Amino acid sequence: MPWIELHAKTTSDYADSLSDQLSLLGAQAVTFQDAGDQPIYEPKPGAMDFWQETIVIGLFDYELALKPIIVYLEEQQAAGLIKSFWLKHIADEDWERVCLQHFKSIQFGSRLWVCPSWQTPPDPDAVNVILDPGLAFGTGTHPTTALCLEWLDQHITAQNLVIDYGCGSGILGLAALKLGAKRVLAIDNDRQALDATQQNAERNQFTNPEMTTYLPEELGDLAEPADVLIANILAQPLIELAKRFSTLTKTNSKILLSGILIQQVDQIKEAYLPWFELKESKSMHEWVRLSGYRR
């Protein structure tokens, strides 16, 4: 299937916000490219550094109506937030190569690293998740995923049964296993994401039943409720799934929710109030992580 690749040239200060907006407008993936020739040296753990002049590249379905996106970009250009933008038709396999080219090893918390499969981990003695995202979402570079990985580094304990709902590439479930969880149930409504998760599990030497994948309708009721439930999706699906999540957990089970914009926090808390106590939050740019426990 052909794709439309949208390139927008902007500054380091605005690159991350523009990435978030392109995701909200329907981008299937977003990557960054140096607009000049400026090297970036090793960033601080968990940091997201951009070039002074950065090209933000969004991948859109060829059949998606692009007019609202172009109008938005014209407004941003008129306001001086982006310098220029252009469109490019691109084949599926070419976009995958571009995505992988810009995926680098990143540290989260004190122990956890996410490393692309084609690079040697910077710290072989760390907790290293080896990842090949393919076209499935999830490399750890987006704030929503980074917030989850930081939380997992601090909260996963041995023998936890974990549900990763909306698993994408499997990055969060694999991090939980690497940090000591006994088993992960990875759920996604995209079969391609489940395939990527299974491949990444094998790459990290995890097999069934340590990591098992399901479409949502395949999961059914659990004989053993989860000790930890992670859901890094978007606000509306999170609201719709609140009651379902209550059936997948037990009293005092931990819950971690991400993919939430700052202005959506109150809606999420209200939806989860009948079953969950959401006590802690942390934000990165415009995104918020909520965590708590099952009542």
C-alpha atoms as a PDB file:
ATOM      1  CA  MET A   1       0.000   0.000   0.000  1.00  0.00           C
ATOM      2  CA  PRO A   2       1.418   3.458  -0.885  1.00  0.00           C
ATOM      3  CA  TRP A   3       1.865   6.132   1.766  1.00  0.00           C
ATOM      4  CA  ILE A   4       2.170   9.896   1.934  1.00  0.00           C
ATOM      5  CA  GLU A   5       5.239  11.173   3.740  1.00  0.00           C
ATOM      6  CA  LEU A   6       4.893  14.719   5.082  1.00  0.00           C
ATOM      7  CA  HIS A   7       8.093  16.669   5.809  1.00  0.00           C
ATOM      8  CA  ALA A   8       7.980  19.822   7.941  1.00  0.00           C
ATOM      9  CA  LYS A   9      11.082  21.874   8.711  1.00  0.00           C
ATOM     10  CA  THR A  10      11.056  23.444  12.160  1.00  0.00           C
ATOM     11  CA  THR A  11      13.257  24.269  15.173  1.00  0.00           C
ATOM     12  CA  SER A  12      14.383  22.062  18.071  1.00  0.00           C
ATOM     13  CA  ASP A  13      11.979  23.895  20.410  1.00  0.00           C
ATOM     14  CA  TYR A  14       8.902  23.000  18.353  1.00  0.00           C
ATOM     15  CA  ALA A  15       9.835  19.591  16.904  1.00  0.00           C
ATOM     16  CA  ASP A  16       8.308  17.478  19.681  1.00  0.00           C
ATOM     17  CA  SER A  17       5.039  19.425  19.814  1.00  0.00           C
ATOM     18  CA  LEU A  18       4.729  19.163  16.036  1.00  0.00           C
ATOM     19  CA  SER A  19       5.308  15.404  16.288  1.00  0.00           C
ATOM     20  CA  ASP A  20       2.460  15.091  18.797  1.00  0.00           C
ATOM     21  CA  GLN A  21       0.132  17.118  16.586  1.00  0.00           C
ATOM     22  CA  LEU A  22       0.897  15.004  13.514  1.00  0.00           C
ATOM     23  CA  SER A  23       0.120  11.885  15.549  1.00  0.00           C
ATOM     24  CA  LEU A  24      -3.217  13.365  16.598  1.00  0.00           C
ATOM     25  CA  LEU A  25      -3.957  14.249  12.962  1.00  0.00           C
ATOM     26  CA  GLY A  26      -3.539  10.612  11.920  1.00  0.00           C
ATOM     27  CA  ALA A  27       0.172   9.980  11.343  1.00  0.00           C
ATOM     28  CA  GLN A  28       0.930   6.261  11.548  1.00  0.00           C
ATOM     29  CA  ALA A  29       4.520   7.013  12.580  1.00  0.00           C
ATOM     30  CA  VAL A  30       6.742  10.071  13.097  1.00  0.00           C
ATOM     31  CA  THR A  31      10.521  10.341  12.843  1.00  0.00           C
ATOM     32  CA  PHE A  32      13.051  13.189  12.941  1.00  0.00           C
ATOM     33  CA  GLN A  33      15.875  14.175  10.592  1.00  0.00           C
ATOM     34  CA  ASP A  34      18.677  16.705  10.751  1.00  0.00           C
ATOM     35  CA  ALA A  35      17.898  19.641   8.439  1.00  0.00           C
ATOM     36  CA  GLY A  36      21.560  20.670   8.405  1.00  0.00           C
ATOM     37  CA  ASP A  37      24.709  18.903   9.519  1.00  0.00           C
ATOM     38  CA  GLN A  38      24.712  19.212  13.308  1.00  0.00           C
ATOM     39  CA  PRO A  39      25.998  16.263  15.378  1.00  0.00           C
ATOM     40  CA  ILE A  40      24.137  15.222  18.544  1.00  0.00           C
ATOM     41  CA  TYR A  41      26.304  13.543  21.152  1.00  0.00           C
ATOM     42  CA  GLU A  42      25.145  11.104  23.835  1.00  0.00           C
ATOM     43  CA  PRO A  43      22.018  12.599  25.486  1.00  0.00           C
ATOM     44  CA  LYS A  44      21.184  12.363  29.164  1.00  0.00           C
ATOM     45  CA  PRO A  45      19.221   9.211  30.102  1.00  0.00           C
ATOM     46  CA  GLY A  46      15.646   9.512  28.866  1.00  0.00           C
ATOM     47  CA  ALA A  47      16.324  12.857  27.180  1.00  0.00           C
ATOM     48  CA  MET A  48      15.019  13.687  23.720  1.00  0.00           C
ATOM     49  CA  ASP A  49      17.463  16.017  21.967  1.00  0.00           C
ATOM     50  CA  PHE A  50      16.754  17.575  18.578  1.00  0.00           C
ATOM     51  CA  TRP A  51      18.853  19.365  16.011  1.00  0.00           C
ATOM     52  CA  GLN A  52      18.569  23.178  15.918  1.00  0.00           C
ATOM     53  CA  GLU A  53      16.896  22.760  12.531  1.00  0.00           C
ATOM     54  CA  THR A  54      14.855  19.560  12.500  1.00  0.00           C
ATOM     55  CA  ILE A  55      12.698  17.972   9.828  1.00  0.00           C
ATOM     56  CA  VAL A  56       9.694  16.218  11.348  1.00  0.00           C
ATOM     57  CA  ILE A  57       8.497  13.406   9.070  1.00  0.00           C
ATOM     58  CA  GLY A  58       4.979  11.999   9.394  1.00  0.00           C
ATOM     59  CA  LEU A  59       3.672   8.915   7.618  1.00  0.00           C
ATOM     60  CA  PHE A  60       0.035   9.093   6.504  1.00  0.00           C
ATOM     61  CA  ASP A  61      -2.280   6.604   4.846  1.00  0.00           C
ATOM     62  CA  TYR A  62      -2.449   7.399   1.120  1.00  0.00           C
ATOM     63  CA  GLU A  63      -6.263   7.486   1.307  1.00  0.00           C
ATOM     64  CA  LEU A  64      -6.442   9.877   4.282  1.00  0.00           C
ATOM     65  CA  ALA A  65      -7.899  13.319   3.527  1.00  0.00           C
ATOM     66  CA  LEU A  66      -4.878  15.594   3.777  1.00  0.00           C
ATOM     67  CA  LYS A  67      -6.584  18.970   3.390  1.00  0.00           C
ATOM     68  CA  PRO A  68      -7.116  19.561   7.173  1.00  0.00           C
ATOM     69  CA  ILE A  69      -3.469  18.657   7.794  1.00  0.00           C
ATOM     70  CA  ILE A  70      -2.235  21.016   5.092  1.00  0.00           C
ATOM     71  CA  VAL A  71      -4.431  23.833   6.452  1.00  0.00           C
ATOM     72  CA  TYR A  72      -2.964  23.220   9.926  1.00  0.00           C
ATOM     73  CA  LEU A  73       0.605  23.342   8.565  1.00  0.00           C
ATOM     74  CA  GLU A  74      -0.114  26.527   6.620  1.00  0.00           C
ATOM     75  CA  GLU A  75      -1.320  28.104   9.871  1.00  0.00           C
ATOM     76  CA  GLN A  76       1.853  26.984  11.655  1.00  0.00           C
ATOM     77  CA  GLN A  77       3.985  28.373   8.845  1.00  0.00           C
ATOM     78  CA  ALA A  78       2.156  31.713   8.955  1.00  0.00           C
ATOM     79  CA  ALA A  79       2.791  31.848  12.729  1.00  0.00           C
ATOM     80  CA  GLY A  80       6.510  31.209  12.164  1.00  0.00           C
ATOM     81  CA  LEU A  81       6.507  27.850  13.956  1.00  0.00           C
ATOM     82  CA  ILE A  82       7.543  25.871  10.891  1.00  0.00           C
ATOM     83  CA  LYS A  83       9.702  27.146   8.034  1.00  0.00           C
ATOM     84  CA  SER A  84       8.424  24.970   5.196  1.00  0.00           C
ATOM     85  CA  PHE A  85       6.696  21.688   4.449  1.00  0.00           C
ATOM     86  CA  TRP A  86       6.310  19.321   1.518  1.00  0.00           C
ATOM     87  CA  LEU A  87       4.710  15.994   0.605  1.00  0.00           C
ATOM     88  CA  LYS A  88       6.274  12.865  -0.858  1.00  0.00           C
ATOM     89  CA  HIS A  89       4.759   9.624  -2.145  1.00  0.00           C
ATOM     90  CA  ILE A  90       6.588   6.669  -0.630  1.00  0.00           C
ATOM     91  CA  ALA A  91       6.484   2.869  -0.719  1.00  0.00           C
ATOM     92  CA  ASP A  92       5.817   0.851   2.434  1.00  0.00           C
ATOM     93  CA  GLU A  93       9.226  -0.825   2.575  1.00  0.00           C
ATOM     94  CA  ASP A  94      11.109   2.480   2.079  1.00  0.00           C
ATOM     95  CA  TRP A  95       9.369   4.053   5.088  1.00  0.00           C
ATOM     96  CA  GLU A  96      10.326   1.099   7.272  1.00  0.00           C
ATOM     97  CA  ARG A  97      13.985   1.616   6.368  1.00  0.00           C
ATOM     98  CA  VAL A  98      13.780   5.338   7.212  1.00  0.00           C
ATOM     99  CA  CYS A  99      12.129   4.626  10.590  1.00  0.00           C
ATOM    100  CA  LEU A 100      14.782   2.121  11.593  1.00  0.00           C
ATOM    101  CA  GLN A 101      17.623   4.422  10.563  1.00  0.00           C
ATOM    102  CA  HIS A 102      16.689   6.982  13.238  1.00  0.00           C
ATOM    103  CA  PHE A 103      16.005   4.560  16.128  1.00  0.00           C
ATOM    104  CA  LYS A 104      18.859   4.688  18.701  1.00  0.00           C
ATOM    105  CA  SER A 105      19.522   3.069  22.110  1.00  0.00           C
ATOM    106  CA  ILE A 106      17.888   5.003  24.987  1.00  0.00           C
ATOM    107  CA  GLN A 107      18.060   4.570  28.779  1.00  0.00           C
ATOM    108  CA  PHE A 108      14.953   4.773  30.986  1.00  0.00           C
ATOM    109  CA  GLY A 109      15.183   4.973  34.768  1.00  0.00           C
ATOM    110  CA  SER A 110      18.219   3.492  36.476  1.00  0.00           C
ATOM    111  CA  ARG A 111      18.363   0.001  34.923  1.00  0.00           C
ATOM    112  CA  LEU A 112      16.459  -0.192  31.660  1.00  0.00           C
ATOM    113  CA  TRP A 113      17.702   0.325  28.098  1.00  0.00           C
ATOM    114  CA  VAL A 114      15.794  -0.083  24.832  1.00  0.00           C
ATOM    115  CA  CYS A 115      18.201  -0.990  22.043  1.00  0.00           C
ATOM    116  CA  PRO A 116      17.646  -1.520  18.301  1.00  0.00           C
ATOM    117  CA  SER A 117      18.397  -5.061  17.209  1.00  0.00           C
ATOM    118  CA  TRP A 118      21.099  -3.948  14.738  1.00  0.00           C
ATOM    119  CA  GLN A 119      23.227  -2.136  17.367  1.00  0.00           C
ATOM    120  CA  THR A 120      25.354  -3.430  20.252  1.00  0.00           C
ATOM    121  CA  PRO A 121      23.825  -2.370  23.624  1.00  0.00           C
ATOM    122  CA  PRO A 122      25.866   0.476  25.186  1.00  0.00           C
ATOM    123  CA  ASP A 123      25.834  -1.316  28.578  1.00  0.00           C
ATOM    124  CA  PRO A 124      25.786  -5.119  28.175  1.00  0.00           C
ATOM    125  CA  ASP A 125      25.209  -5.541  31.943  1.00  0.00           C
ATOM    126  CA  ALA A 126      22.066  -3.364  32.018  1.00  0.00           C
ATOM    127  CA  VAL A 127      18.469  -4.572  31.561  1.00  0.00           C
ATOM    128  CA  ASN A 128      18.434  -4.417  27.761  1.00  0.00           C
ATOM    129  CA  VAL A 129      15.284  -4.769  25.653  1.00  0.00           C
ATOM    130  CA  ILE A 130      16.320  -5.603  22.088  1.00  0.00           C
ATOM    131  CA  LEU A 131      13.747  -4.182  19.712  1.00  0.00           C
ATOM    132  CA  ASP A 132      12.959  -4.200  16.011  1.00  0.00           C
ATOM    133  CA  PRO A 133       9.727  -2.191  15.714  1.00  0.00           C
ATOM    134  CA  GLY A 134       9.090  -2.820  12.017  1.00  0.00           C
ATOM    135  CA  LEU A 135       5.936  -0.827  11.226  1.00  0.00           C
ATOM    136  CA  ALA A 136       4.389  -1.370  14.670  1.00  0.00           C
ATOM    137  CA  PHE A 137       4.289   1.665  16.977  1.00  0.00           C
ATOM    138  CA  GLY A 138       6.686   1.786  19.914  1.00  0.00           C
ATOM    139  CA  THR A 139      10.414   2.499  20.168  1.00  0.00           C
ATOM    140  CA  GLY A 140      10.439   4.471  23.429  1.00  0.00           C
ATOM    141  CA  THR A 141      11.093   7.830  21.757  1.00  0.00           C
ATOM    142  CA  HIS A 142       7.548   9.164  22.176  1.00  0.00           C
ATOM    143  CA  PRO A 143       6.787  10.774  25.580  1.00  0.00           C
ATOM    144  CA  THR A 144       3.869   8.421  26.279  1.00  0.00           C
ATOM    145  CA  THR A 145       6.097   5.353  25.927  1.00  0.00           C
ATOM    146  CA  ALA A 146       9.030   6.954  27.751  1.00  0.00           C
ATOM    147  CA  LEU A 147       6.797   7.753  30.741  1.00  0.00           C
ATOM    148  CA  CYS A 148       5.658   4.120  30.889  1.00  0.00           C
ATOM    149  CA  LEU A 149       9.182   2.718  30.680  1.00  0.00           C
ATOM    150  CA  GLU A 150      10.338   4.959  33.541  1.00  0.00           C
ATOM    151  CA  TRP A 151       7.433   3.718  35.663  1.00  0.00           C
ATOM    152  CA  LEU A 152       8.119   0.057  34.863  1.00  0.00           C
ATOM    153  CA  ASP A 153      11.763   0.458  35.882  1.00  0.00           C
ATOM    154  CA  GLN A 154      10.575   1.338  39.398  1.00  0.00           C
ATOM    155  CA  HIS A 155       7.448  -0.785  39.900  1.00  0.00           C
ATOM    156  CA  ILE A 156       7.769  -4.244  38.330  1.00  0.00           C
ATOM    157  CA  THR A 157       8.546  -6.972  40.841  1.00  0.00           C
ATOM    158  CA  ALA A 158       9.343 -10.654  40.485  1.00  0.00           C
ATOM    159  CA  GLN A 159       6.480 -12.970  39.558  1.00  0.00           C
ATOM    160  CA  ASN A 160       4.094 -10.214  38.413  1.00  0.00           C
ATOM    161  CA  LEU A 161       1.480 -11.220  35.833  1.00  0.00           C
ATOM    162  CA  VAL A 162       1.282  -8.215  33.478  1.00  0.00           C
ATOM    163  CA  ILE A 163      -1.234  -7.170  30.828  1.00  0.00           C
ATOM    164  CA  ASP A 164       0.074  -4.852  28.096  1.00  0.00           C
ATOM    165  CA  TYR A 165      -3.110  -3.537  26.456  1.00  0.00           C
ATOM    166  CA  GLY A 166      -2.355  -1.898  23.103  1.00  0.00           C
ATOM    167  CA  CYS A 167       1.061  -3.536  22.908  1.00  0.00           C
ATOM    168  CA  GLY A 168       2.277  -2.106  19.564  1.00  0.00           C
ATOM    169  CA  SER A 169       5.823  -3.440  19.135  1.00  0.00           C
ATOM    170  CA  GLY A 170       5.654  -5.173  22.536  1.00  0.00           C
ATOM    171  CA  ILE A 171       8.124  -2.757  24.073  1.00  0.00           C
ATOM    172  CA  LEU A 172       6.351  -2.334  27.440  1.00  0.00           C
ATOM    173  CA  GLY A 173       5.571  -6.013  27.942  1.00  0.00           C
ATOM    174  CA  LEU A 174       9.130  -6.978  27.061  1.00  0.00           C
ATOM    175  CA  ALA A 175      10.490  -4.388  29.492  1.00  0.00           C
ATOM    176  CA  ALA A 176       8.276  -5.891  32.218  1.00  0.00           C
ATOM    177  CA  LEU A 177       9.623  -9.390  31.485  1.00  0.00           C
ATOM    178  CA  LYS A 178      13.201  -8.171  31.481  1.00  0.00           C
ATOM    179  CA  LEU A 179      12.570  -6.479  34.843  1.00  0.00           C
ATOM    180  CA  GLY A 180      11.332  -9.743  36.398  1.00  0.00           C
ATOM    181  CA  ALA A 181       7.647 -10.244  35.521  1.00  0.00           C
ATOM    182  CA  LYS A 182       6.734 -13.929  35.243  1.00  0.00           C
ATOM    183  CA  ARG A 183       4.330 -13.569  32.306  1.00  0.00           C
ATOM    184  CA  VAL A 184       2.876 -10.931  29.959  1.00  0.00           C
ATOM    185  CA  LEU A 185      -0.401 -10.994  28.059  1.00  0.00           C
ATOM    186  CA  ALA A 186       0.024  -8.628  25.096  1.00  0.00           C
ATOM    187  CA  ILE A 187      -3.189  -7.349  23.490  1.00  0.00           C
ATOM    188  CA  ASP A 188      -3.703  -5.250  20.367  1.00  0.00           C
ATOM    189  CA  ASN A 189      -6.433  -4.846  17.753  1.00  0.00           C
ATOM    190  CA  ASP A 190      -3.807  -4.797  14.966  1.00  0.00           C
ATOM    191  CA  ARG A 191      -2.559  -8.222  13.856  1.00  0.00           C
ATOM    192  CA  GLN A 192       0.640  -6.617  12.523  1.00  0.00           C
ATOM    193  CA  ALA A 193       1.395  -5.313  16.027  1.00  0.00           C
ATOM    194  CA  LEU A 194       0.898  -8.800  17.489  1.00  0.00           C
ATOM    195  CA  ASP A 195       3.262 -10.247  14.888  1.00  0.00           C
ATOM    196  CA  ALA A 196       5.889  -7.609  15.739  1.00  0.00           C
ATOM    197  CA  THR A 197       5.448  -8.349  19.458  1.00  0.00           C
ATOM    198  CA  GLN A 198       5.962 -12.084  18.934  1.00  0.00           C
ATOM    199  CA  GLN A 199       9.066 -11.487  16.819  1.00  0.00           C
ATOM    200  CA  ASN A 200      10.530  -9.118  19.425  1.00  0.00           C
ATOM    201  CA  ALA A 201       9.756 -11.620  22.203  1.00  0.00           C
ATOM    202  CA  GLU A 202      11.729 -14.291  20.341  1.00  0.00           C
ATOM    203  CA  ARG A 203      14.545 -11.805  19.781  1.00  0.00           C
ATOM    204  CA  ASN A 204      14.730 -11.375  23.582  1.00  0.00           C
ATOM    205  CA  GLN A 205      14.563 -15.148  24.207  1.00  0.00           C
ATOM    206  CA  PHE A 206      10.981 -15.129  25.511  1.00  0.00           C
ATOM    207  CA  THR A 207       8.496 -17.737  24.307  1.00  0.00           C
ATOM    208  CA  ASN A 208       4.936 -18.820  25.085  1.00  0.00           C
ATOM    209  CA  PRO A 209       3.731 -18.762  27.874  1.00  0.00           C
ATOM    210  CA  GLU A 210       6.104 -15.987  29.041  1.00  0.00           C
ATOM    211  CA  MET A 211       4.704 -13.722  26.307  1.00  0.00           C
ATOM    212  CA  THR A 212       1.353 -14.502  24.687  1.00  0.00           C
ATOM    213  CA  THR A 213      -0.523 -12.272  22.240  1.00  0.00           C
ATOM    214  CA  TYR A 214      -4.249 -11.750  21.706  1.00  0.00           C
ATOM    215  CA  LEU A 215      -6.713  -9.695  19.750  1.00  0.00           C
ATOM    216  CA  PRO A 216      -9.112  -8.067  22.285  1.00  0.00           C
ATOM    217  CA  GLU A 217     -11.955 -10.446  21.405  1.00  0.00           C
ATOM    218  CA  GLU A 218      -9.684 -13.467  21.931  1.00  0.00           C
ATOM    219  CA  LEU A 219      -8.732 -12.689  25.519  1.00  0.00           C
ATOM    220  CA  GLY A 220     -11.944 -13.674  27.320  1.00  0.00           C
ATOM    221  CA  ASP A 221     -12.047 -13.927  31.129  1.00  0.00           C
ATOM    222  CA  LEU A 222      -8.856 -14.604  33.055  1.00  0.00           C
ATOM    223  CA  ALA A 223      -8.464 -17.482  35.480  1.00  0.00           C
ATOM    224  CA  GLU A 224      -5.734 -15.407  37.152  1.00  0.00           C
ATOM    225  CA  PRO A 225      -6.253 -11.608  37.183  1.00  0.00           C
ATOM    226  CA  ALA A 226      -3.275  -9.416  36.364  1.00  0.00           C
ATOM    227  CA  ASP A 227      -1.033  -7.954  39.054  1.00  0.00           C
ATOM    228  CA  VAL A 228      -0.151  -5.044  36.739  1.00  0.00           C
ATOM    229  CA  LEU A 229      -2.130  -3.628  33.818  1.00  0.00           C
ATOM    230  CA  ILE A 230      -0.465  -1.222  31.361  1.00  0.00           C
ATOM    231  CA  ALA A 231      -2.392   0.661  28.686  1.00  0.00           C
ATOM    232  CA  ASN A 232      -0.556   3.164  26.505  1.00  0.00           C
ATOM    233  CA  ILE A 233      -3.236   4.071  23.984  1.00  0.00           C
ATOM    234  CA  LEU A 234      -5.390   7.229  23.724  1.00  0.00           C
ATOM    235  CA  ALA A 235      -7.916   8.888  26.025  1.00  0.00           C
ATOM    236  CA  GLN A 236     -11.172   7.793  24.379  1.00  0.00           C
ATOM    237  CA  PRO A 237     -10.286   4.080  24.222  1.00  0.00           C
ATOM    238  CA  LEU A 238      -9.024   4.302  27.800  1.00  0.00           C
ATOM    239  CA  ILE A 239     -12.391   5.702  28.925  1.00  0.00           C
ATOM    240  CA  GLU A 240     -14.290   2.984  27.053  1.00  0.00           C
ATOM    241  CA  LEU A 241     -12.087   0.242  28.547  1.00  0.00           C
ATOM    242  CA  ALA A 242     -12.280   1.278  32.218  1.00  0.00           C
ATOM    243  CA  LYS A 243     -14.913  -1.319  33.179  1.00  0.00           C
ATOM    244  CA  ARG A 244     -13.182  -4.040  31.132  1.00  0.00           C
ATOM    245  CA  PHE A 245      -9.902  -3.310  32.908  1.00  0.00           C
ATOM    246  CA  SER A 246     -11.666  -3.804  36.235  1.00  0.00           C
ATOM    247  CA  THR A 247     -12.488  -7.394  35.195  1.00  0.00           C
ATOM    248  CA  LEU A 248      -8.857  -8.100  34.259  1.00  0.00           C
ATOM    249  CA  THR A 249      -7.415  -7.015  37.620  1.00  0.00           C
ATOM    250  CA  LYS A 250      -7.903  -7.765  41.311  1.00  0.00           C
ATOM    251  CA  THR A 251      -7.877  -5.747  44.527  1.00  0.00           C
ATOM    252  CA  ASN A 252      -4.588  -3.831  44.856  1.00  0.00           C
ATOM    253  CA  SER A 253      -3.480  -4.609  41.295  1.00  0.00           C
ATOM    254  CA  LYS A 254      -1.368  -1.778  39.875  1.00  0.00           C
ATOM    255  CA  ILE A 255      -2.576   0.141  36.813  1.00  0.00           C
ATOM    256  CA  LEU A 256      -0.605   2.401  34.481  1.00  0.00           C
ATOM    257  CA  LEU A 257      -2.355   4.567  31.880  1.00  0.00           C
ATOM    258  CA  SER A 258      -0.670   6.703  29.219  1.00  0.00           C
ATOM    259  CA  GLY A 259      -1.451   8.377  25.902  1.00  0.00           C
ATOM    260  CA  ILE A 260      -3.336  11.113  27.771  1.00  0.00           C
ATOM    261  CA  LEU A 261      -3.131  14.820  27.012  1.00  0.00           C
ATOM    262  CA  ILE A 262      -3.041  17.223  29.956  1.00  0.00           C
ATOM    263  CA  GLN A 263      -6.563  18.495  29.289  1.00  0.00           C
ATOM    264  CA  GLN A 264      -7.940  14.920  29.325  1.00  0.00           C
ATOM    265  CA  VAL A 265      -6.750  13.933  32.813  1.00  0.00           C
ATOM    266  CA  ASP A 266      -9.975  14.768  34.654  1.00  0.00           C
ATOM    267  CA  GLN A 267     -12.070  12.760  32.173  1.00  0.00           C
ATOM    268  CA  ILE A 268      -9.863   9.718  32.667  1.00  0.00           C
ATOM    269  CA  LYS A 269      -9.950   9.972  36.457  1.00  0.00           C
ATOM    270  CA  GLU A 270     -13.737  10.251  36.439  1.00  0.00           C
ATOM    271  CA  ALA A 271     -14.121   7.206  34.181  1.00  0.00           C
ATOM    272  CA  TYR A 272     -11.878   5.060  36.398  1.00  0.00           C
ATOM    273  CA  LEU A 273     -13.179   6.270  39.770  1.00  0.00           C
ATOM    274  CA  PRO A 274     -15.733   3.415  40.301  1.00  0.00           C
ATOM    275  CA  TRP A 275     -12.982   0.776  40.189  1.00  0.00           C
ATOM    276  CA  PHE A 276      -9.540   2.370  40.477  1.00  0.00           C
ATOM    277  CA  GLU A 277      -7.697   4.887  42.615  1.00  0.00           C
ATOM    278  CA  LEU A 278      -5.446   6.926  40.313  1.00  0.00           C
ATOM    279  CA  LYS A 279      -3.065   8.613  42.732  1.00  0.00           C
ATOM    280  CA  GLU A 280       0.067   9.565  40.828  1.00  0.00           C
ATOM    281  CA  SER A 281       0.717  11.466  37.631  1.00  0.00           C
ATOM    282  CA  LYS A 282       3.731  12.638  35.707  1.00  0.00           C
ATOM    283  CA  SER A 283       3.843  14.739  32.553  1.00  0.00           C
ATOM    284  CA  MET A 284       6.266  15.107  29.665  1.00  0.00           C
ATOM    285  CA  HIS A 285       5.570  17.891  27.193  1.00  0.00           C
ATOM    286  CA  GLU A 286       1.778  17.736  26.583  1.00  0.00           C
ATOM    287  CA  TRP A 287       1.380  14.108  27.689  1.00  0.00           C
ATOM    288  CA  VAL A 288       0.497  12.656  31.100  1.00  0.00           C
ATOM    289  CA  ARG A 289       0.981   9.283  32.770  1.00  0.00           C
ATOM    290  CA  LEU A 290      -1.520   8.204  35.429  1.00  0.00           C
ATOM    291  CA  SER A 291      -0.964   5.327  37.829  1.00  0.00           C
ATOM    292  CA  GLY A 292      -2.674   3.802  40.842  1.00  0.00           C
ATOM    293  CA  TYR A 293      -4.348   0.617  41.997  1.00  0.00           C
ATOM    294  CA  ARG A 294      -7.563  -1.430  41.783  1.00  0.00           C
ATOM    295  CA  ARG A 295      -9.924  -0.775  44.682  1.00  0.00           C
END
